[in-house]
Protein backbone atom coordinates (compact mmCIF):
# COMPACT_ATOMS: atom_id res chain seq x y z
CA MET A 1 137.60 -7.87 -10.93
CA SER A 2 136.84 -11.56 -10.22
CA LYS A 3 134.90 -12.97 -7.29
CA ALA A 4 135.18 -16.39 -5.64
CA ILE A 5 131.92 -18.38 -5.28
CA LYS A 6 131.22 -21.75 -3.70
CA LEU A 7 129.46 -24.44 -5.78
CA SER A 8 128.14 -27.79 -4.66
CA ASP A 9 129.84 -30.78 -6.45
CA GLU A 10 126.55 -31.33 -8.22
CA ALA A 11 126.33 -27.73 -9.53
CA TYR A 12 129.96 -27.83 -10.56
CA GLN A 13 129.34 -31.11 -12.58
CA GLU A 14 126.20 -29.65 -14.22
CA LEU A 15 128.15 -26.57 -15.35
CA ALA A 16 131.01 -28.75 -16.55
CA VAL A 17 128.59 -30.69 -18.73
CA LEU A 18 127.35 -27.42 -20.25
CA GLN A 19 130.83 -25.98 -20.75
CA ARG A 20 131.93 -25.57 -24.34
CA PRO A 21 135.53 -26.15 -25.39
CA ARG A 22 137.82 -23.25 -24.15
CA GLU A 23 134.87 -21.75 -22.27
CA THR A 24 135.49 -20.52 -18.74
CA PHE A 25 132.97 -21.15 -15.96
CA SER A 26 132.29 -17.45 -15.91
CA GLN A 27 131.40 -17.59 -19.55
CA VAL A 28 129.21 -20.60 -19.08
CA ILE A 29 127.33 -18.72 -16.27
CA SER A 30 127.09 -15.60 -18.39
CA ARG A 31 125.71 -17.61 -21.41
CA LEU A 32 123.21 -19.38 -19.26
CA LEU A 33 122.04 -16.09 -17.61
CA ALA A 34 121.63 -14.42 -20.96
CA THR A 35 119.53 -17.34 -22.22
CA TYR A 36 117.45 -17.21 -19.02
CA ASN A 37 116.79 -13.50 -19.42
CA ALA A 38 115.80 -13.81 -22.96
CA VAL A 39 113.37 -16.58 -22.10
CA ASP A 40 112.07 -14.56 -19.20
CA LYS A 41 111.37 -11.56 -21.44
CA LEU A 42 109.60 -13.90 -23.99
CA VAL A 43 107.40 -15.37 -21.26
CA ALA A 44 106.51 -11.97 -19.98
CA THR A 45 105.56 -10.82 -23.51
CA PHE A 46 103.52 -13.91 -24.08
CA GLU A 47 101.66 -13.52 -20.83
CA ARG A 48 100.71 -9.90 -21.78
CA SER A 49 99.25 -11.09 -25.08
CA ASP A 50 95.55 -11.02 -25.69
CA GLU A 51 95.52 -14.61 -26.76
CA PHE A 52 97.14 -15.84 -23.64
CA GLN A 53 94.79 -13.77 -21.39
CA GLN A 54 91.79 -15.17 -23.37
CA TRP A 55 93.17 -18.68 -22.92
CA GLN A 56 93.68 -18.10 -19.18
CA ARG A 57 90.10 -16.88 -18.79
CA GLU A 58 88.91 -19.98 -20.58
CA GLN A 59 90.90 -22.27 -18.17
CA SER A 60 89.41 -20.77 -14.99
CA PRO A 61 87.55 -23.23 -12.80
CA SER A 62 84.21 -21.54 -13.40
CA ALA A 63 84.70 -21.66 -17.17
CA ILE A 64 85.55 -25.38 -17.03
CA LYS A 65 82.42 -26.16 -14.86
CA SER A 66 80.11 -24.46 -17.33
CA HIS A 67 81.10 -26.60 -20.25
């Protein structure tokens, strides 16, 4: 079942630029959401890594002042 949504002219134009040949706007949005979700999962995985947590500790204001 399809749903109608309202888009600003600017949002419509941005989607149109990203649209591939013979791709519907629904397909564009689904593709962009899939990419967003994959990147979001990658960022979450990275943020849980020991290396990132160590880097984050090293970037704290108290760590910077002690150098």
